[in-house]
Amino acid sequence: MHQYYKLVSEQEASLSEYCPIDLFSYEETLVQDALEALVKTPQNNLRLFLDGVQQSISKETMVQCLLGPDAAKIQLTEAIAGDEEATLPVSLTDIITQILIQSPLLRKLGRLQLALDSLDVETVHRFYTQMVDPVTNTLPEPTFEEFLNTAEAFMYRVDMGEMMSHDQETFEAINAASLSIEPDDLEDLEAIPAGLMLHFIREFLLSATLKDCSILITVRRMENAEETLESKINPAMLRETNRYEEGACFHLADEPRPCWPRV
């Protein structure tokens, strides 16, 4: 819906085909499709920097940033011309696909988002309306220390190391069992301690923050890398040939989400 809104309001010239579910799927084909959709319509979801300088994003630049403009142009021209010995050059999209399906980062991020958003938004909103100041109709913004305490309490009740080893269904069941609130308790909010309601509101805000974070991936040629690049990338390429060094981390683009009074 937001995509159509941006199109109608002329914030964007076309609809994005990017699907976050595909990106988080750990299925190579789906992850590749998601990244290619981002390259086609990056909007504000994808940015490319080369030696610290932001680049325009296209299929061509995703190749040029690895090979250089001249070599990339030659390989692309030969492939398009149907040269039997020509192969499509390796794209940065290929490399990032392999980094993402081999790294636990997206799985860990997705499970943190889910575990911190353990109650449905309607329940969190009921907590919020129960806790707001009747005069200002707001709650004070949580401090950094309060968010830190919330995170520490969450890590106390949730063993993410153990939960990362379970399948999705088992993970969700264990997370639900770790909550200190039973479904029947939600019928009477007066019986739920105010501190516990605040805790789950802040967990929800942390989850919302993680849903709006940025993932930073760096890729650089190794000094001892070979001069030629294979036409195909596979997991062994990154692990065994020492062709690239890669790193991935997620970065919170903003401070923890302020959602008052819009929970």
C-alpha atoms as a PDB file:
ATOM      1  CA  MET A   1       0.000   0.000   0.000  1.00  0.00           C
ATOM      2  CA  HIS A   2       2.822   2.384   0.860  1.00  0.00           C
ATOM      3  CA  GLN A   3       4.384   1.704  -2.540  1.00  0.00           C
ATOM      4  CA  TYR A   4       1.175   2.762  -4.288  1.00  0.00           C
ATOM      5  CA  TYR A   5       0.976   5.844  -2.071  1.00  0.00           C
ATOM      6  CA  LYS A   6       4.517   6.879  -3.032  1.00  0.00           C
ATOM      7  CA  LEU A   7       3.708   6.292  -6.685  1.00  0.00           C
ATOM      8  CA  VAL A   8       0.488   8.341  -6.584  1.00  0.00           C
ATOM      9  CA  SER A   9       2.155  11.110  -4.592  1.00  0.00           C
ATOM     10  CA  GLU A  10       5.026  11.117  -7.120  1.00  0.00           C
ATOM     11  CA  GLN A  11       7.627  10.284  -4.486  1.00  0.00           C
ATOM     12  CA  GLU A  12       8.707   7.406  -6.725  1.00  0.00           C
ATOM     13  CA  ALA A  13       8.484   6.891 -10.483  1.00  0.00           C
ATOM     14  CA  SER A  14       7.664   3.171 -10.337  1.00  0.00           C
ATOM     15  CA  LEU A  15       6.579   0.432  -7.966  1.00  0.00           C
ATOM     16  CA  SER A  16       9.277  -1.614  -6.292  1.00  0.00           C
ATOM     17  CA  GLU A  17       9.267  -5.370  -6.884  1.00  0.00           C
ATOM     18  CA  TYR A  18      11.478  -5.937  -3.837  1.00  0.00           C
ATOM     19  CA  CYS A  19      10.155  -8.515  -1.378  1.00  0.00           C
ATOM     20  CA  PRO A  20      11.744  -8.562   2.126  1.00  0.00           C
ATOM     21  CA  ILE A  21      10.383 -12.085   2.692  1.00  0.00           C
ATOM     22  CA  ASP A  22      12.477 -13.290  -0.241  1.00  0.00           C
ATOM     23  CA  LEU A  23      15.556 -11.537   1.130  1.00  0.00           C
ATOM     24  CA  PHE A  24      15.157 -13.261   4.520  1.00  0.00           C
ATOM     25  CA  SER A  25      14.297 -16.669   3.007  1.00  0.00           C
ATOM     26  CA  TYR A  26      17.838 -18.108   2.821  1.00  0.00           C
ATOM     27  CA  GLU A  27      16.783 -19.614  -0.523  1.00  0.00           C
ATOM     28  CA  GLU A  28      19.513 -18.632  -2.970  1.00  0.00           C
ATOM     29  CA  THR A  29      17.184 -18.003  -5.913  1.00  0.00           C
ATOM     30  CA  LEU A  30      14.777 -15.908  -3.827  1.00  0.00           C
ATOM     31  CA  VAL A  31      17.563 -13.890  -2.204  1.00  0.00           C
ATOM     32  CA  GLN A  32      19.054 -13.221  -5.641  1.00  0.00           C
ATOM     33  CA  ASP A  33      15.623 -12.154  -6.940  1.00  0.00           C
ATOM     34  CA  ALA A  34      15.187  -9.764  -4.000  1.00  0.00           C
ATOM     35  CA  LEU A  35      18.590  -8.177  -4.590  1.00  0.00           C
ATOM     36  CA  GLU A  36      18.006  -7.848  -8.326  1.00  0.00           C
ATOM     37  CA  ALA A  37      14.675  -6.152  -7.591  1.00  0.00           C
ATOM     38  CA  LEU A  38      16.513  -3.720  -5.307  1.00  0.00           C
ATOM     39  CA  VAL A  39      19.018  -2.983  -8.071  1.00  0.00           C
ATOM     40  CA  LYS A  40      16.158  -2.362 -10.511  1.00  0.00           C
ATOM     41  CA  THR A  41      14.283  -0.007  -8.144  1.00  0.00           C
ATOM     42  CA  PRO A  42      16.583   0.812  -5.209  1.00  0.00           C
ATOM     43  CA  GLN A  43      14.477   3.719  -3.891  1.00  0.00           C
ATOM     44  CA  ASN A  44      15.804   4.292  -0.350  1.00  0.00           C
ATOM     45  CA  ASN A  45      16.388   0.575   0.320  1.00  0.00           C
ATOM     46  CA  LEU A  46      19.786   0.124  -1.315  1.00  0.00           C
ATOM     47  CA  ARG A  47      22.872   2.304  -1.584  1.00  0.00           C
ATOM     48  CA  LEU A  48      26.234   1.582  -3.169  1.00  0.00           C
ATOM     49  CA  PHE A  49      29.520   3.193  -2.221  1.00  0.00           C
ATOM     50  CA  LEU A  50      32.859   2.695  -3.980  1.00  0.00           C
ATOM     51  CA  ASP A  51      35.914   3.952  -2.097  1.00  0.00           C
ATOM     52  CA  GLY A  52      33.601   6.069   0.039  1.00  0.00           C
ATOM     53  CA  VAL A  53      31.802   7.719  -2.880  1.00  0.00           C
ATOM     54  CA  GLN A  54      28.120   6.967  -3.451  1.00  0.00           C
ATOM     55  CA  GLN A  55      27.402   5.446  -6.867  1.00  0.00           C
ATOM     56  CA  SER A  56      24.294   5.250  -9.014  1.00  0.00           C
ATOM     57  CA  ILE A  57      22.802   1.767  -8.956  1.00  0.00           C
ATOM     58  CA  SER A  58      22.208  -0.356 -12.049  1.00  0.00           C
ATOM     59  CA  LYS A  59      23.117  -3.809 -13.328  1.00  0.00           C
ATOM     60  CA  GLU A  60      26.098  -2.242 -15.057  1.00  0.00           C
ATOM     61  CA  THR A  61      27.467  -0.489 -11.973  1.00  0.00           C
ATOM     62  CA  MET A  62      27.093  -3.679  -9.922  1.00  0.00           C
ATOM     63  CA  VAL A  63      29.584  -5.249 -12.356  1.00  0.00           C
ATOM     64  CA  GLN A  64      31.766  -2.197 -12.904  1.00  0.00           C
ATOM     65  CA  CYS A  65      32.450  -1.752  -9.201  1.00  0.00           C
ATOM     66  CA  LEU A  66      34.218  -5.145  -9.275  1.00  0.00           C
ATOM     67  CA  LEU A  67      35.878  -5.181 -12.708  1.00  0.00           C
ATOM     68  CA  GLY A  68      36.218  -1.529 -13.606  1.00  0.00           C
ATOM     69  CA  PRO A  69      34.186   0.133 -16.360  1.00  0.00           C
ATOM     70  CA  ASP A  70      36.282  -0.993 -19.338  1.00  0.00           C
ATOM     71  CA  ALA A  71      36.537  -4.694 -18.461  1.00  0.00           C
ATOM     72  CA  ALA A  72      32.873  -4.828 -17.477  1.00  0.00           C
ATOM     73  CA  LYS A  73      31.812  -3.200 -20.756  1.00  0.00           C
ATOM     74  CA  ILE A  74      33.833  -5.697 -22.803  1.00  0.00           C
ATOM     75  CA  GLN A  75      32.450  -8.732 -20.986  1.00  0.00           C
ATOM     76  CA  LEU A  76      28.868  -7.470 -21.153  1.00  0.00           C
ATOM     77  CA  THR A  77      29.191  -6.646 -24.854  1.00  0.00           C
ATOM     78  CA  GLU A  78      30.626 -10.086 -25.661  1.00  0.00           C
ATOM     79  CA  ALA A  79      27.896 -11.853 -23.663  1.00  0.00           C
ATOM     80  CA  ILE A  80      25.119  -9.848 -25.313  1.00  0.00           C
ATOM     81  CA  ALA A  81      26.647 -10.464 -28.760  1.00  0.00           C
ATOM     82  CA  GLY A  82      26.353 -14.192 -28.224  1.00  0.00           C
ATOM     83  CA  ASP A  83      30.049 -15.019 -28.088  1.00  0.00           C
ATOM     84  CA  GLU A  84      30.109 -18.722 -27.192  1.00  0.00           C
ATOM     85  CA  GLU A  85      33.261 -18.305 -25.132  1.00  0.00           C
ATOM     86  CA  ALA A  86      31.967 -15.208 -23.373  1.00  0.00           C
ATOM     87  CA  THR A  87      30.341 -15.463 -19.975  1.00  0.00           C
ATOM     88  CA  LEU A  88      28.360 -12.972 -17.973  1.00  0.00           C
ATOM     89  CA  PRO A  89      30.708 -11.182 -15.582  1.00  0.00           C
ATOM     90  CA  VAL A  90      30.393 -11.615 -11.857  1.00  0.00           C
ATOM     91  CA  SER A  91      28.160  -8.979 -10.310  1.00  0.00           C
ATOM     92  CA  LEU A  92      28.282  -7.567  -6.812  1.00  0.00           C
ATOM     93  CA  THR A  93      24.724  -8.902  -6.553  1.00  0.00           C
ATOM     94  CA  ASP A  94      26.091 -12.460  -6.919  1.00  0.00           C
ATOM     95  CA  ILE A  95      28.601 -11.911  -4.154  1.00  0.00           C
ATOM     96  CA  ILE A  96      26.135 -10.309  -1.753  1.00  0.00           C
ATOM     97  CA  THR A  97      23.711 -13.183  -2.358  1.00  0.00           C
ATOM     98  CA  GLN A  98      26.352 -15.661  -1.190  1.00  0.00           C
ATOM     99  CA  ILE A  99      27.291 -13.512   1.798  1.00  0.00           C
ATOM    100  CA  LEU A 100      23.666 -13.304   2.936  1.00  0.00           C
ATOM    101  CA  ILE A 101      22.823 -17.002   2.555  1.00  0.00           C
ATOM    102  CA  GLN A 102      26.003 -18.021   4.380  1.00  0.00           C
ATOM    103  CA  SER A 103      25.773 -15.473   7.180  1.00  0.00           C
ATOM    104  CA  PRO A 104      23.418 -16.005  10.162  1.00  0.00           C
ATOM    105  CA  LEU A 105      22.825 -12.246  10.302  1.00  0.00           C
ATOM    106  CA  LEU A 106      19.393 -12.088   8.642  1.00  0.00           C
ATOM    107  CA  ARG A 107      18.097 -15.130  10.515  1.00  0.00           C
ATOM    108  CA  LYS A 108      19.256 -13.674  13.826  1.00  0.00           C
ATOM    109  CA  LEU A 109      17.803 -10.267  12.956  1.00  0.00           C
ATOM    110  CA  GLY A 110      14.458 -11.788  11.938  1.00  0.00           C
ATOM    111  CA  ARG A 111      14.199 -13.834  15.107  1.00  0.00           C
ATOM    112  CA  LEU A 112      15.074 -10.867  17.291  1.00  0.00           C
ATOM    113  CA  GLN A 113      12.349  -8.873  15.554  1.00  0.00           C
ATOM    114  CA  LEU A 114       9.852 -11.666  16.194  1.00  0.00           C
ATOM    115  CA  ALA A 115      10.881 -12.418  19.778  1.00  0.00           C
ATOM    116  CA  LEU A 116      10.768  -8.755  20.806  1.00  0.00           C
ATOM    117  CA  ASP A 117       7.381  -8.367  19.116  1.00  0.00           C
ATOM    118  CA  SER A 118       5.960 -11.251  21.145  1.00  0.00           C
ATOM    119  CA  LEU A 119       2.526  -9.704  21.701  1.00  0.00           C
ATOM    120  CA  ASP A 120       0.286  -8.557  18.887  1.00  0.00           C
ATOM    121  CA  VAL A 121       0.144  -4.829  18.194  1.00  0.00           C
ATOM    122  CA  GLU A 122      -3.458  -4.605  19.448  1.00  0.00           C
ATOM    123  CA  THR A 123      -2.348  -5.867  22.868  1.00  0.00           C
ATOM    124  CA  VAL A 124       0.588  -3.460  22.957  1.00  0.00           C
ATOM    125  CA  HIS A 125      -1.781  -0.629  22.076  1.00  0.00           C
ATOM    126  CA  ARG A 126      -4.088  -1.638  24.936  1.00  0.00           C
ATOM    127  CA  PHE A 127      -1.085  -1.514  27.277  1.00  0.00           C
ATOM    128  CA  TYR A 128      -0.217   1.906  25.927  1.00  0.00           C
ATOM    129  CA  THR A 129      -3.711   3.348  26.397  1.00  0.00           C
ATOM    130  CA  GLN A 130      -3.707   1.936  29.917  1.00  0.00           C
ATOM    131  CA  MET A 131      -0.409   3.637  30.749  1.00  0.00           C
ATOM    132  CA  VAL A 132      -0.713   7.061  29.100  1.00  0.00           C
ATOM    133  CA  ASP A 133      -0.935  10.243  31.093  1.00  0.00           C
ATOM    134  CA  PRO A 134      -4.655  11.189  31.109  1.00  0.00           C
ATOM    135  CA  VAL A 135      -3.801  14.877  30.694  1.00  0.00           C
ATOM    136  CA  THR A 136      -1.179  14.758  27.903  1.00  0.00           C
ATOM    137  CA  ASN A 137      -2.325  11.419  26.451  1.00  0.00           C
ATOM    138  CA  THR A 138       1.328  10.424  26.059  1.00  0.00           C
ATOM    139  CA  LEU A 139       4.016   8.375  27.741  1.00  0.00           C
ATOM    140  CA  PRO A 140       7.471   9.779  28.494  1.00  0.00           C
ATOM    141  CA  GLU A 141      10.094   8.787  25.951  1.00  0.00           C
ATOM    142  CA  PRO A 142      12.136   5.843  27.306  1.00  0.00           C
ATOM    143  CA  THR A 143      15.698   6.767  28.185  1.00  0.00           C
ATOM    144  CA  PHE A 144      18.710   4.903  26.830  1.00  0.00           C
ATOM    145  CA  GLU A 145      19.179   3.275  30.241  1.00  0.00           C
ATOM    146  CA  GLU A 146      15.555   2.083  30.216  1.00  0.00           C
ATOM    147  CA  PHE A 147      16.003   0.575  26.755  1.00  0.00           C
ATOM    148  CA  LEU A 148      19.216  -1.094  27.962  1.00  0.00           C
ATOM    149  CA  ASN A 149      17.398  -2.551  30.971  1.00  0.00           C
ATOM    150  CA  THR A 150      14.647  -3.805  28.663  1.00  0.00           C
ATOM    151  CA  ALA A 151      17.199  -5.520  26.431  1.00  0.00           C
ATOM    152  CA  GLU A 152      18.931  -7.102  29.419  1.00  0.00           C
ATOM    153  CA  ALA A 153      15.627  -8.401  30.788  1.00  0.00           C
ATOM    154  CA  PHE A 154      14.775  -9.803  27.351  1.00  0.00           C
ATOM    155  CA  MET A 155      18.125 -11.606  27.104  1.00  0.00           C
ATOM    156  CA  TYR A 156      17.556 -13.015  30.587  1.00  0.00           C
ATOM    157  CA  ARG A 157      14.321 -14.723  29.546  1.00  0.00           C
ATOM    158  CA  VAL A 158      15.400 -15.626  25.996  1.00  0.00           C
ATOM    159  CA  ASP A 159      18.436 -17.759  25.143  1.00  0.00           C
ATOM    160  CA  MET A 160      18.949 -16.591  21.561  1.00  0.00           C
ATOM    161  CA  GLY A 161      21.905 -18.940  21.105  1.00  0.00           C
ATOM    162  CA  GLU A 162      19.663 -21.922  21.815  1.00  0.00           C
ATOM    163  CA  MET A 163      16.723 -20.515  19.896  1.00  0.00           C
ATOM    164  CA  MET A 164      18.838 -19.973  16.778  1.00  0.00           C
ATOM    165  CA  SER A 165      19.324 -23.726  16.607  1.00  0.00           C
ATOM    166  CA  HIS A 166      15.579 -24.492  16.422  1.00  0.00           C
ATOM    167  CA  ASP A 167      13.288 -24.479  13.424  1.00  0.00           C
ATOM    168  CA  GLN A 168      10.815 -21.611  13.094  1.00  0.00           C
ATOM    169  CA  GLU A 169       7.838 -23.409  14.638  1.00  0.00           C
ATOM    170  CA  THR A 170       9.811 -24.587  17.680  1.00  0.00           C
ATOM    171  CA  PHE A 171      11.350 -21.129  18.047  1.00  0.00           C
ATOM    172  CA  GLU A 172       7.907 -19.469  18.158  1.00  0.00           C
ATOM    173  CA  ALA A 173       6.607 -22.019  20.686  1.00  0.00           C
ATOM    174  CA  ILE A 174       9.593 -21.529  23.017  1.00  0.00           C
ATOM    175  CA  ASN A 175       9.327 -17.760  22.754  1.00  0.00           C
ATOM    176  CA  ALA A 176       5.616 -17.847  23.621  1.00  0.00           C
ATOM    177  CA  ALA A 177       6.286 -20.117  26.601  1.00  0.00           C
ATOM    178  CA  SER A 178       8.945 -17.731  27.927  1.00  0.00           C
ATOM    179  CA  LEU A 179       6.477 -14.876  28.357  1.00  0.00           C
ATOM    180  CA  SER A 180       5.366 -13.990  31.856  1.00  0.00           C
ATOM    181  CA  ILE A 181       1.813 -13.323  30.658  1.00  0.00           C
ATOM    182  CA  GLU A 182      -0.808 -15.964  29.985  1.00  0.00           C
ATOM    183  CA  PRO A 183      -3.503 -15.327  27.356  1.00  0.00           C
ATOM    184  CA  ASP A 184      -6.189 -15.223  30.073  1.00  0.00           C
ATOM    185  CA  ASP A 185      -4.259 -12.486  31.890  1.00  0.00           C
ATOM    186  CA  LEU A 186      -4.852 -10.122  28.981  1.00  0.00           C
ATOM    187  CA  GLU A 187      -8.568 -10.036  29.722  1.00  0.00           C
ATOM    188  CA  ASP A 188      -7.997  -7.940  32.849  1.00  0.00           C
ATOM    189  CA  LEU A 189      -5.332  -5.280  32.323  1.00  0.00           C
ATOM    190  CA  GLU A 190      -5.814  -3.981  35.860  1.00  0.00           C
ATOM    191  CA  ALA A 191      -4.266  -7.226  37.107  1.00  0.00           C
ATOM    192  CA  ILE A 192      -1.090  -6.772  35.044  1.00  0.00           C
ATOM    193  CA  PRO A 193       1.669  -4.797  36.815  1.00  0.00           C
ATOM    194  CA  ALA A 194       2.378  -1.419  35.227  1.00  0.00           C
ATOM    195  CA  GLY A 195       6.091  -2.223  35.044  1.00  0.00           C
ATOM    196  CA  LEU A 196       5.380  -5.355  33.020  1.00  0.00           C
ATOM    197  CA  MET A 197       3.200  -3.457  30.565  1.00  0.00           C
ATOM    198  CA  LEU A 198       5.923  -0.839  30.132  1.00  0.00           C
ATOM    199  CA  HIS A 199       8.448  -3.599  29.551  1.00  0.00           C
ATOM    200  CA  PHE A 200       6.461  -5.099  26.681  1.00  0.00           C
ATOM    201  CA  ILE A 201       5.819  -1.665  25.165  1.00  0.00           C
ATOM    202  CA  ARG A 202       9.573  -1.048  25.137  1.00  0.00           C
ATOM    203  CA  GLU A 203      10.263  -4.508  23.686  1.00  0.00           C
ATOM    204  CA  PHE A 204       7.826  -3.607  20.899  1.00  0.00           C
ATOM    205  CA  LEU A 205       9.737  -0.364  20.270  1.00  0.00           C
ATOM    206  CA  LEU A 206      13.041  -2.249  20.113  1.00  0.00           C
ATOM    207  CA  SER A 207      11.505  -4.648  17.605  1.00  0.00           C
ATOM    208  CA  ALA A 208      10.272  -1.715  15.511  1.00  0.00           C
ATOM    209  CA  THR A 209      13.780  -0.245  15.596  1.00  0.00           C
ATOM    210  CA  LEU A 210      15.295  -3.512  14.367  1.00  0.00           C
ATOM    211  CA  LYS A 211      12.747  -3.566  11.549  1.00  0.00           C
ATOM    212  CA  ASP A 212      14.128  -0.244  10.338  1.00  0.00           C
ATOM    213  CA  CYS A 213      17.841  -0.861  10.679  1.00  0.00           C
ATOM    214  CA  SER A 214      20.436  -0.815   7.928  1.00  0.00           C
ATOM    215  CA  ILE A 215      22.709  -3.714   6.979  1.00  0.00           C
ATOM    216  CA  LEU A 216      26.213  -2.629   5.997  1.00  0.00           C
ATOM    217  CA  ILE A 217      28.170  -5.062   3.809  1.00  0.00           C
ATOM    218  CA  THR A 218      31.739  -4.364   2.730  1.00  0.00           C
ATOM    219  CA  VAL A 219      33.489  -6.276  -0.036  1.00  0.00           C
ATOM    220  CA  ARG A 220      37.042  -5.705  -1.244  1.00  0.00           C
ATOM    221  CA  ARG A 221      39.485  -7.518  -3.481  1.00  0.00           C
ATOM    222  CA  MET A 222      42.204  -9.391  -1.624  1.00  0.00           C
ATOM    223  CA  GLU A 223      45.747  -8.402  -2.479  1.00  0.00           C
ATOM    224  CA  ASN A 224      46.523 -11.962  -3.583  1.00  0.00           C
ATOM    225  CA  ALA A 225      43.332 -12.365  -5.618  1.00  0.00           C
ATOM    226  CA  GLU A 226      43.636 -13.742  -9.126  1.00  0.00           C
ATOM    227  CA  GLU A 227      43.250 -11.305 -11.997  1.00  0.00           C
ATOM    228  CA  THR A 228      40.313 -13.119 -13.641  1.00  0.00           C
ATOM    229  CA  LEU A 229      36.851 -13.732 -12.241  1.00  0.00           C
ATOM    230  CA  GLU A 230      34.746 -16.841 -12.782  1.00  0.00           C
ATOM    231  CA  SER A 231      31.419 -16.419 -14.516  1.00  0.00           C
ATOM    232  CA  LYS A 232      29.625 -18.114 -11.642  1.00  0.00           C
ATOM    233  CA  ILE A 233      29.801 -17.541  -7.901  1.00  0.00           C
ATOM    234  CA  ASN A 234      29.288 -20.394  -5.492  1.00  0.00           C
ATOM    235  CA  PRO A 235      29.721 -20.721  -1.733  1.00  0.00           C
ATOM    236  CA  ALA A 236      33.140 -22.336  -2.167  1.00  0.00           C
ATOM    237  CA  MET A 237      34.336 -19.266  -4.033  1.00  0.00           C
ATOM    238  CA  LEU A 238      34.019 -17.026  -1.015  1.00  0.00           C
ATOM    239  CA  ARG A 239      35.261 -19.639   1.449  1.00  0.00           C
ATOM    240  CA  GLU A 240      38.163 -21.185  -0.403  1.00  0.00           C
ATOM    241  CA  THR A 241      39.643 -18.938  -3.089  1.00  0.00           C
ATOM    242  CA  ASN A 242      40.348 -15.959  -0.818  1.00  0.00           C
ATOM    243  CA  ARG A 243      39.148 -13.835  -3.700  1.00  0.00           C
ATOM    244  CA  TYR A 244      37.204 -11.420  -1.519  1.00  0.00           C
ATOM    245  CA  GLU A 245      37.032 -10.381   2.059  1.00  0.00           C
ATOM    246  CA  GLU A 246      33.548  -9.580   3.218  1.00  0.00           C
ATOM    247  CA  GLY A 247      31.973  -8.275   6.353  1.00  0.00           C
ATOM    248  CA  ALA A 248      28.402  -7.688   7.380  1.00  0.00           C
ATOM    249  CA  CYS A 249      26.806  -5.982  10.328  1.00  0.00           C
ATOM    250  CA  PHE A 250      23.555  -4.224  10.989  1.00  0.00           C
ATOM    251  CA  HIS A 251      23.434  -0.595  11.964  1.00  0.00           C
ATOM    252  CA  LEU A 252      20.554   1.144  13.694  1.00  0.00           C
ATOM    253  CA  ALA A 253      19.805   4.013  11.373  1.00  0.00           C
ATOM    254  CA  ASP A 254      18.195   6.029  14.146  1.00  0.00           C
ATOM    255  CA  GLU A 255      17.809   5.993  17.877  1.00  0.00           C
ATOM    256  CA  PRO A 256      15.275   3.489  19.259  1.00  0.00           C
ATOM    257  CA  ARG A 257      11.874   4.116  17.741  1.00  0.00           C
ATOM    258  CA  PRO A 258       9.823   6.906  19.354  1.00  0.00           C
ATOM    259  CA  CYS A 259       6.253   5.735  18.841  1.00  0.00           C
ATOM    260  CA  TRP A 260       4.378   7.887  21.317  1.00  0.00           C
ATOM    261  CA  PRO A 261       1.549   8.356  20.848  1.00  0.00           C
ATOM    262  CA  ARG A 262       1.410   6.296  17.631  1.00  0.00           C
ATOM    263  CA  VAL A 263       1.856   2.739  18.931  1.00  0.00           C
END
